[in-house]
Amino acid sequence: MEEYWASRTGRWRRAMQGRKGPSFADRLFDVVVADVRAGALPAGALLPSAERVATELVIPVDDVRSAYARLLAEDVIAERGDGVLCIPAPDGRDASVGDATQIRFEAALLKAVREAAARGLSPADATGMFKAAVIRLEARSNRPAGPEDSE
């Protein structure tokens, strides 16, 4: 779980360093909006608590709460019944993939990227391999099963 949130806030930290804005709240708002638009935060993705973000970004918790409040007001994020913030589905349906599923998936992906780096691959190469695997899986699901699918 620690690695899951750290990967998300680490991405935000790097993105905020390259942005100019009157406040940390404005910069964080811009970064989250950009992540949602780029698909880095897809529908169903969970957001870390304001306290966690403030600690990891070393910014005041009030700035994070302010950014989250603005994101909620502008329907960029939503609050689930249990109080957890998430990215809503564009059509308003429940897009939750479940905390455990999302955390396991991101942990497995981080492990794969680290393994690729240990073998000398760049992050771009590792990402390309991941995308190619997803394309192969999609192609398999769109055709009748054959003998090669019995792996």
N, C-alpha and C. Protein backbone atom coordinates (compact mmCIF):
# COMPACT_ATOMS: atom_id res chain seq x y z
N MET A 1 0.83 -1.20 0.00
CA MET A 1 0.00 0.00 0.00
C MET A 1 0.87 1.25 0.00
N GLU A 2 1.95 1.25 0.77
CA GLU A 2 2.83 2.42 0.84
C GLU A 2 3.38 2.75 -0.55
N GLU A 3 3.82 1.73 -1.27
CA GLU A 3 4.40 1.94 -2.59
C GLU A 3 3.36 2.48 -3.57
N TYR A 4 2.13 2.03 -3.43
CA TYR A 4 1.04 2.47 -4.29
C TYR A 4 0.84 3.98 -4.18
N TRP A 5 0.69 4.48 -2.96
CA TRP A 5 0.48 5.92 -2.79
C TRP A 5 1.74 6.70 -3.13
N ALA A 6 2.91 6.18 -2.78
CA ALA A 6 4.16 6.89 -3.06
C ALA A 6 4.36 7.08 -4.56
N SER A 7 3.96 6.11 -5.37
CA SER A 7 4.13 6.26 -6.81
C SER A 7 3.24 7.38 -7.34
N ARG A 8 2.04 7.49 -6.80
CA ARG A 8 1.12 8.53 -7.25
C ARG A 8 1.61 9.91 -6.81
N THR A 9 1.95 10.08 -5.54
CA THR A 9 2.38 11.39 -5.06
C THR A 9 3.75 11.76 -5.61
N GLY A 10 4.58 10.77 -5.89
CA GLY A 10 5.88 11.06 -6.50
C GLY A 10 5.72 11.68 -7.88
N ARG A 11 4.75 11.16 -8.63
CA ARG A 11 4.46 11.71 -9.97
C ARG A 11 3.96 13.15 -9.82
N TRP A 12 3.11 13.39 -8.82
CA TRP A 12 2.60 14.74 -8.61
C TRP A 12 3.72 15.68 -8.21
N ARG A 13 4.63 15.23 -7.35
CA ARG A 13 5.74 16.09 -6.91
C ARG A 13 6.57 16.56 -8.11
N ARG A 14 6.91 15.60 -8.97
CA ARG A 14 7.71 15.96 -10.16
C ARG A 14 6.95 16.94 -11.06
N ALA A 15 5.68 16.69 -11.26
CA ALA A 15 4.88 17.56 -12.14
C ALA A 15 4.71 18.95 -11.53
N MET A 16 4.56 19.04 -10.22
CA MET A 16 4.37 20.35 -9.57
C MET A 16 5.63 21.20 -9.65
N GLN A 17 6.79 20.56 -9.67
CA GLN A 17 8.04 21.31 -9.74
C GLN A 17 8.15 22.09 -11.04
N GLY A 18 7.55 21.60 -12.10
CA GLY A 18 7.62 22.26 -13.39
C GLY A 18 6.49 23.26 -13.64
N ARG A 19 5.66 23.49 -12.67
CA ARG A 19 4.51 24.39 -12.86
C ARG A 19 4.67 25.64 -12.02
N LYS A 20 4.14 26.71 -12.56
CA LYS A 20 4.11 27.96 -11.81
C LYS A 20 2.66 28.22 -11.43
N GLY A 21 2.48 28.69 -10.25
CA GLY A 21 1.13 28.99 -9.80
C GLY A 21 1.20 29.80 -8.53
N PRO A 22 0.14 30.49 -8.23
CA PRO A 22 0.17 31.34 -7.04
C PRO A 22 0.23 30.56 -5.73
N SER A 23 -0.21 29.29 -5.76
CA SER A 23 -0.19 28.53 -4.51
C SER A 23 0.04 27.05 -4.81
N PHE A 24 0.40 26.31 -3.76
CA PHE A 24 0.54 24.86 -3.90
C PHE A 24 -0.81 24.25 -4.29
N ALA A 25 -1.89 24.80 -3.74
CA ALA A 25 -3.23 24.28 -4.05
C ALA A 25 -3.52 24.40 -5.55
N ASP A 26 -3.18 25.54 -6.14
CA ASP A 26 -3.41 25.73 -7.57
C ASP A 26 -2.57 24.78 -8.40
N ARG A 27 -1.31 24.60 -8.00
CA ARG A 27 -0.43 23.70 -8.74
C ARG A 27 -0.92 22.25 -8.64
N LEU A 28 -1.31 21.84 -7.44
CA LEU A 28 -1.80 20.47 -7.27
C LEU A 28 -3.08 20.27 -8.07
N PHE A 29 -3.98 21.23 -8.04
CA PHE A 29 -5.21 21.16 -8.83
C PHE A 29 -4.86 20.94 -10.31
N ASP A 30 -3.95 21.75 -10.85
CA ASP A 30 -3.56 21.64 -12.26
C ASP A 30 -2.97 20.27 -12.58
N VAL A 31 -2.14 19.75 -11.68
CA VAL A 31 -1.49 18.46 -11.91
C VAL A 31 -2.51 17.32 -11.92
N VAL A 32 -3.45 17.34 -10.97
CA VAL A 32 -4.47 16.29 -10.93
C VAL A 32 -5.36 16.37 -12.17
N VAL A 33 -5.76 17.56 -12.55
CA VAL A 33 -6.59 17.72 -13.75
C VAL A 33 -5.84 17.18 -14.98
N ALA A 34 -4.56 17.51 -15.09
CA ALA A 34 -3.75 17.03 -16.22
C ALA A 34 -3.65 15.50 -16.20
N ASP A 35 -3.48 14.90 -15.01
CA ASP A 35 -3.42 13.44 -14.90
C ASP A 35 -4.73 12.79 -15.33
N VAL A 36 -5.85 13.39 -14.95
CA VAL A 36 -7.16 12.85 -15.32
C VAL A 36 -7.33 12.94 -16.84
N ARG A 37 -7.02 14.08 -17.41
CA ARG A 37 -7.18 14.27 -18.87
C ARG A 37 -6.26 13.34 -19.66
N ALA A 38 -5.05 13.08 -19.12
CA ALA A 38 -4.08 12.23 -19.83
C ALA A 38 -4.35 10.75 -19.61
N GLY A 39 -5.27 10.43 -18.69
CA GLY A 39 -5.55 9.04 -18.41
C GLY A 39 -4.64 8.41 -17.37
N ALA A 40 -3.71 9.19 -16.81
CA ALA A 40 -2.84 8.68 -15.75
C ALA A 40 -3.65 8.38 -14.49
N LEU A 41 -4.77 9.06 -14.34
CA LEU A 41 -5.74 8.79 -13.28
C LEU A 41 -7.05 8.42 -13.97
N PRO A 42 -7.23 7.15 -14.32
CA PRO A 42 -8.44 6.74 -15.03
C PRO A 42 -9.64 6.65 -14.10
N ALA A 43 -10.80 6.50 -14.67
CA ALA A 43 -12.03 6.33 -13.88
C ALA A 43 -11.84 5.18 -12.91
N GLY A 44 -12.20 5.43 -11.66
CA GLY A 44 -12.07 4.42 -10.62
C GLY A 44 -10.80 4.55 -9.80
N ALA A 45 -9.82 5.33 -10.30
CA ALA A 45 -8.57 5.48 -9.56
C ALA A 45 -8.85 6.19 -8.23
N LEU A 46 -8.16 5.75 -7.21
CA LEU A 46 -8.32 6.31 -5.87
C LEU A 46 -7.27 7.39 -5.63
N LEU A 47 -7.64 8.37 -4.82
CA LEU A 47 -6.68 9.42 -4.46
C LEU A 47 -6.25 9.22 -3.01
N PRO A 48 -4.99 9.52 -2.72
CA PRO A 48 -4.53 9.41 -1.34
C PRO A 48 -5.17 10.50 -0.49
N SER A 49 -5.15 10.30 0.82
CA SER A 49 -5.73 11.28 1.74
C SER A 49 -4.97 12.60 1.64
N ALA A 50 -5.63 13.69 2.01
CA ALA A 50 -4.99 15.00 2.01
C ALA A 50 -3.77 15.01 2.92
N GLU A 51 -3.87 14.33 4.05
CA GLU A 51 -2.75 14.28 4.99
C GLU A 51 -1.56 13.56 4.36
N ARG A 52 -1.82 12.48 3.68
CA ARG A 52 -0.75 11.71 3.04
C ARG A 52 -0.07 12.56 1.95
N VAL A 53 -0.87 13.22 1.13
CA VAL A 53 -0.32 14.05 0.05
C VAL A 53 0.51 15.19 0.65
N ALA A 54 -0.01 15.84 1.65
CA ALA A 54 0.71 16.95 2.29
C ALA A 54 2.06 16.48 2.84
N THR A 55 2.07 15.35 3.49
CA THR A 55 3.32 14.82 4.05
C THR A 55 4.32 14.50 2.96
N GLU A 56 3.87 13.82 1.91
CA GLU A 56 4.79 13.40 0.86
C GLU A 56 5.24 14.54 -0.05
N LEU A 57 4.40 15.55 -0.23
CA LEU A 57 4.79 16.69 -1.06
C LEU A 57 5.43 17.80 -0.24
N VAL A 58 5.38 17.67 1.07
CA VAL A 58 5.92 18.66 2.02
C VAL A 58 5.27 20.02 1.74
N ILE A 59 3.95 20.00 1.75
CA ILE A 59 3.17 21.22 1.60
C ILE A 59 2.10 21.23 2.68
N PRO A 60 1.53 22.38 2.97
CA PRO A 60 0.49 22.43 4.01
C PRO A 60 -0.74 21.59 3.64
N VAL A 61 -1.28 20.88 4.62
CA VAL A 61 -2.45 20.04 4.39
C VAL A 61 -3.64 20.89 3.95
N ASP A 62 -3.71 22.14 4.37
CA ASP A 62 -4.80 23.01 3.94
C ASP A 62 -4.76 23.27 2.43
N ASP A 63 -3.56 23.31 1.86
CA ASP A 63 -3.45 23.49 0.41
C ASP A 63 -3.99 22.25 -0.32
N VAL A 64 -3.69 21.08 0.21
CA VAL A 64 -4.20 19.85 -0.41
C VAL A 64 -5.72 19.80 -0.29
N ARG A 65 -6.23 20.11 0.89
CA ARG A 65 -7.69 20.12 1.08
C ARG A 65 -8.36 21.13 0.15
N SER A 66 -7.71 22.28 -0.04
CA SER A 66 -8.25 23.29 -0.94
C SER A 66 -8.29 22.78 -2.38
N ALA A 67 -7.20 22.13 -2.81
CA ALA A 67 -7.16 21.58 -4.17
C ALA A 67 -8.23 20.50 -4.33
N TYR A 68 -8.35 19.61 -3.34
CA TYR A 68 -9.35 18.55 -3.40
C TYR A 68 -10.76 19.14 -3.42
N ALA A 69 -11.01 20.17 -2.63
CA ALA A 69 -12.35 20.79 -2.60
C ALA A 69 -12.68 21.38 -3.98
N ARG A 70 -11.72 22.02 -4.60
CA ARG A 70 -11.95 22.59 -5.93
C ARG A 70 -12.16 21.48 -6.96
N LEU A 71 -11.37 20.40 -6.86
CA LEU A 71 -11.55 19.26 -7.77
C LEU A 71 -12.93 18.64 -7.61
N LEU A 72 -13.42 18.55 -6.37
CA LEU A 72 -14.77 18.04 -6.12
C LEU A 72 -15.82 18.98 -6.70
N ALA A 73 -15.65 20.29 -6.46
CA ALA A 73 -16.62 21.28 -6.93
C ALA A 73 -16.72 21.29 -8.45
N GLU A 74 -15.60 21.01 -9.12
CA GLU A 74 -15.58 21.02 -10.59
C GLU A 74 -15.80 19.63 -11.18
N ASP A 75 -16.21 18.68 -10.35
CA ASP A 75 -16.52 17.31 -10.77
C ASP A 75 -15.37 16.58 -11.45
N VAL A 76 -14.14 16.98 -11.12
CA VAL A 76 -12.97 16.27 -11.63
C VAL A 76 -12.78 14.99 -10.83
N ILE A 77 -13.09 15.05 -9.53
CA ILE A 77 -13.03 13.90 -8.65
C ILE A 77 -14.39 13.75 -7.97
N ALA A 78 -14.60 12.60 -7.36
CA ALA A 78 -15.85 12.33 -6.64
C ALA A 78 -15.50 11.71 -5.29
N GLU A 79 -16.46 11.76 -4.39
CA GLU A 79 -16.28 11.13 -3.08
C GLU A 79 -17.20 9.93 -2.99
N ARG A 80 -16.61 8.77 -2.70
CA ARG A 80 -17.40 7.55 -2.53
C ARG A 80 -18.14 7.61 -1.21
N GLY A 81 -19.06 6.70 -1.01
CA GLY A 81 -19.83 6.64 0.22
C GLY A 81 -18.98 6.45 1.46
N ASP A 82 -17.80 5.83 1.31
CA ASP A 82 -16.92 5.61 2.45
C ASP A 82 -15.96 6.77 2.68
N GLY A 83 -16.14 7.87 1.91
CA GLY A 83 -15.31 9.06 2.10
C GLY A 83 -14.04 9.08 1.29
N VAL A 84 -13.73 8.01 0.57
CA VAL A 84 -12.52 7.96 -0.25
C VAL A 84 -12.77 8.73 -1.54
N LEU A 85 -11.77 9.51 -1.94
CA LEU A 85 -11.88 10.29 -3.18
C LEU A 85 -11.41 9.43 -4.35
N CYS A 86 -12.10 9.57 -5.48
CA CYS A 86 -11.75 8.78 -6.66
C CYS A 86 -12.07 9.57 -7.92
N ILE A 87 -11.64 9.02 -9.03
CA ILE A 87 -11.94 9.62 -10.33
C ILE A 87 -13.25 9.01 -10.82
N PRO A 88 -14.26 9.85 -11.09
CA PRO A 88 -15.56 9.31 -11.53
C PRO A 88 -15.52 8.87 -12.99
N ALA A 89 -16.41 7.97 -13.32
CA ALA A 89 -16.57 7.55 -14.71
C ALA A 89 -17.22 8.70 -15.48
N PRO A 90 -16.85 8.92 -16.73
CA PRO A 90 -17.41 10.03 -17.50
C PRO A 90 -18.92 9.95 -17.65
N ASP A 91 -19.46 8.73 -17.68
CA ASP A 91 -20.90 8.58 -17.87
C ASP A 91 -21.67 8.52 -16.55
N GLY A 92 -20.98 8.73 -15.44
CA GLY A 92 -21.62 8.76 -14.14
C GLY A 92 -21.83 7.41 -13.48
N ARG A 93 -21.47 6.31 -14.17
CA ARG A 93 -21.61 4.98 -13.57
C ARG A 93 -20.51 4.78 -12.54
N ASP A 94 -20.69 3.78 -11.69
CA ASP A 94 -19.67 3.43 -10.71
C ASP A 94 -18.48 2.84 -11.45
N ALA A 95 -17.32 3.47 -11.32
CA ALA A 95 -16.14 3.02 -12.04
C ALA A 95 -15.14 2.35 -11.13
N SER A 96 -15.52 2.08 -9.90
CA SER A 96 -14.57 1.53 -8.94
C SER A 96 -14.11 0.15 -9.37
N VAL A 97 -12.79 -0.01 -9.41
CA VAL A 97 -12.22 -1.33 -9.68
C VAL A 97 -11.90 -2.03 -8.37
N GLY A 98 -12.10 -1.33 -7.27
CA GLY A 98 -11.82 -1.91 -5.97
C GLY A 98 -10.42 -1.58 -5.53
N ASP A 99 -10.29 -1.21 -4.29
CA ASP A 99 -9.00 -0.82 -3.74
C ASP A 99 -7.95 -1.91 -3.92
N ALA A 100 -8.30 -3.13 -3.54
CA ALA A 100 -7.33 -4.23 -3.58
C ALA A 100 -6.87 -4.52 -5.00
N THR A 101 -7.80 -4.53 -5.95
CA THR A 101 -7.44 -4.80 -7.35
C THR A 101 -6.50 -3.73 -7.87
N GLN A 102 -6.82 -2.48 -7.63
CA GLN A 102 -5.99 -1.39 -8.12
C GLN A 102 -4.60 -1.43 -7.49
N ILE A 103 -4.55 -1.66 -6.21
CA ILE A 103 -3.26 -1.69 -5.51
C ILE A 103 -2.41 -2.85 -6.02
N ARG A 104 -3.01 -4.04 -6.18
CA ARG A 104 -2.25 -5.19 -6.69
C ARG A 104 -1.75 -4.94 -8.10
N PHE A 105 -2.59 -4.36 -8.95
CA PHE A 105 -2.19 -4.10 -10.33
C PHE A 105 -1.01 -3.12 -10.38
N GLU A 106 -1.11 -2.01 -9.65
CA GLU A 106 -0.03 -1.02 -9.67
C GLU A 106 1.24 -1.59 -9.06
N ALA A 107 1.13 -2.41 -8.03
CA ALA A 107 2.32 -3.02 -7.42
C ALA A 107 2.99 -3.97 -8.42
N ALA A 108 2.19 -4.76 -9.14
CA ALA A 108 2.75 -5.67 -10.14
C ALA A 108 3.41 -4.90 -11.28
N LEU A 109 2.79 -3.81 -11.69
CA LEU A 109 3.36 -3.00 -12.76
C LEU A 109 4.67 -2.35 -12.32
N LEU A 110 4.72 -1.83 -11.10
CA LEU A 110 5.96 -1.25 -10.58
C LEU A 110 7.06 -2.30 -10.51
N LYS A 111 6.73 -3.49 -10.08
CA LYS A 111 7.71 -4.58 -10.01
C LYS A 111 8.25 -4.90 -11.41
N ALA A 112 7.37 -4.95 -12.40
CA ALA A 112 7.78 -5.25 -13.77
C ALA A 112 8.68 -4.15 -14.32
N VAL A 113 8.37 -2.90 -14.03
CA VAL A 113 9.19 -1.78 -14.52
C VAL A 113 10.57 -1.83 -13.87
N ARG A 114 10.61 -2.14 -12.57
CA ARG A 114 11.91 -2.25 -11.88
C ARG A 114 12.74 -3.40 -12.47
N GLU A 115 12.08 -4.52 -12.74
CA GLU A 115 12.79 -5.65 -13.32
C GLU A 115 13.33 -5.30 -14.70
N ALA A 116 12.53 -4.60 -15.48
CA ALA A 116 12.98 -4.17 -16.81
C ALA A 116 14.19 -3.24 -16.69
N ALA A 117 14.15 -2.31 -15.73
CA ALA A 117 15.27 -1.39 -15.52
C ALA A 117 16.52 -2.16 -15.09
N ALA A 118 16.36 -3.17 -14.25
CA ALA A 118 17.50 -3.97 -13.80
C ALA A 118 18.14 -4.72 -14.96
N ARG A 119 17.36 -4.96 -15.99
CA ARG A 119 17.87 -5.66 -17.18
C ARG A 119 18.33 -4.69 -18.27
N GLY A 120 18.35 -3.40 -17.92
CA GLY A 120 18.89 -2.41 -18.84
C GLY A 120 17.88 -1.73 -19.75
N LEU A 121 16.59 -1.99 -19.54
CA LEU A 121 15.58 -1.34 -20.37
C LEU A 121 15.21 0.03 -19.81
N SER A 122 14.94 0.96 -20.68
CA SER A 122 14.50 2.28 -20.24
C SER A 122 13.02 2.20 -19.85
N PRO A 123 12.54 3.20 -19.09
CA PRO A 123 11.11 3.23 -18.79
C PRO A 123 10.25 3.24 -20.06
N ALA A 124 10.72 3.92 -21.10
CA ALA A 124 9.97 3.96 -22.36
C ALA A 124 9.90 2.57 -22.99
N ASP A 125 11.02 1.82 -22.94
CA ASP A 125 11.01 0.45 -23.47
C ASP A 125 10.06 -0.43 -22.68
N ALA A 126 10.12 -0.31 -21.34
CA ALA A 126 9.24 -1.11 -20.48
C ALA A 126 7.78 -0.79 -20.76
N THR A 127 7.47 0.49 -20.92
CA THR A 127 6.10 0.91 -21.21
C THR A 127 5.66 0.36 -22.56
N GLY A 128 6.55 0.41 -23.54
CA GLY A 128 6.24 -0.12 -24.86
C GLY A 128 5.94 -1.61 -24.82
N MET A 129 6.71 -2.35 -24.01
CA MET A 129 6.47 -3.78 -23.86
C MET A 129 5.11 -4.03 -23.21
N PHE A 130 4.78 -3.23 -22.22
CA PHE A 130 3.48 -3.36 -21.55
C PHE A 130 2.35 -3.10 -22.54
N LYS A 131 2.47 -2.02 -23.31
CA LYS A 131 1.42 -1.69 -24.28
C LYS A 131 1.28 -2.80 -25.32
N ALA A 132 2.41 -3.37 -25.77
CA ALA A 132 2.35 -4.46 -26.74
C ALA A 132 1.64 -5.67 -26.17
N ALA A 133 1.89 -5.96 -24.88
CA ALA A 133 1.22 -7.10 -24.24
C ALA A 133 -0.29 -6.86 -24.15
N VAL A 134 -0.68 -5.63 -23.82
CA VAL A 134 -2.11 -5.30 -23.75
C VAL A 134 -2.76 -5.45 -25.12
N ILE A 135 -2.08 -5.00 -26.16
CA ILE A 135 -2.62 -5.13 -27.52
C ILE A 135 -2.79 -6.60 -27.89
N ARG A 136 -1.79 -7.43 -27.52
CA ARG A 136 -1.91 -8.88 -27.80
C ARG A 136 -3.10 -9.48 -27.06
N LEU A 137 -3.29 -9.09 -25.81
CA LEU A 137 -4.43 -9.61 -25.03
C LEU A 137 -5.75 -9.19 -25.65
N GLU A 138 -5.82 -7.93 -26.09
CA GLU A 138 -7.05 -7.45 -26.73
C GLU A 138 -7.32 -8.20 -28.02
N ALA A 139 -6.26 -8.47 -28.79
CA ALA A 139 -6.42 -9.19 -30.05
C ALA A 139 -6.92 -10.61 -29.79
N ARG A 140 -6.39 -11.25 -28.73
CA ARG A 140 -6.83 -12.60 -28.40
C ARG A 140 -8.30 -12.62 -27.99
N SER A 141 -8.72 -11.59 -27.26
CA SER A 141 -10.11 -11.59 -26.79
C SER A 141 -11.09 -11.28 -27.91
N ASN A 142 -10.60 -10.77 -29.03
CA ASN A 142 -11.48 -10.41 -30.15
C ASN A 142 -11.52 -11.46 -31.23
N ARG A 143 -10.92 -12.65 -31.01
CA ARG A 143 -10.96 -13.70 -32.00
C ARG A 143 -11.32 -15.02 -31.32
N PRO A 144 -11.79 -15.98 -32.10
CA PRO A 144 -12.13 -17.28 -31.52
C PRO A 144 -10.88 -17.94 -30.93
N ALA A 145 -11.06 -18.67 -29.84
CA ALA A 145 -9.94 -19.37 -29.19
C ALA A 145 -9.39 -20.43 -30.12
N GLY A 146 -8.08 -20.55 -30.12
CA GLY A 146 -7.40 -21.57 -30.93
C GLY A 146 -6.43 -22.33 -30.07
N PRO A 147 -5.67 -23.26 -30.67
CA PRO A 147 -4.73 -24.09 -29.91
C PRO A 147 -3.66 -23.26 -29.19
N GLU A 148 -3.27 -22.11 -29.76
CA GLU A 148 -2.22 -21.29 -29.13
C GLU A 148 -2.70 -20.62 -27.86
N ASP A 149 -4.00 -20.63 -27.60
CA ASP A 149 -4.55 -19.99 -26.40
C ASP A 149 -4.58 -20.92 -25.20
N SER A 150 -4.08 -22.12 -25.35
CA SER A 150 -4.13 -23.08 -24.24
C SER A 150 -2.86 -23.04 -23.40
N GLU A 151 -2.24 -21.86 -23.29
CA GLU A 151 -0.99 -21.70 -22.53
C GLU A 151 -1.21 -21.90 -21.06
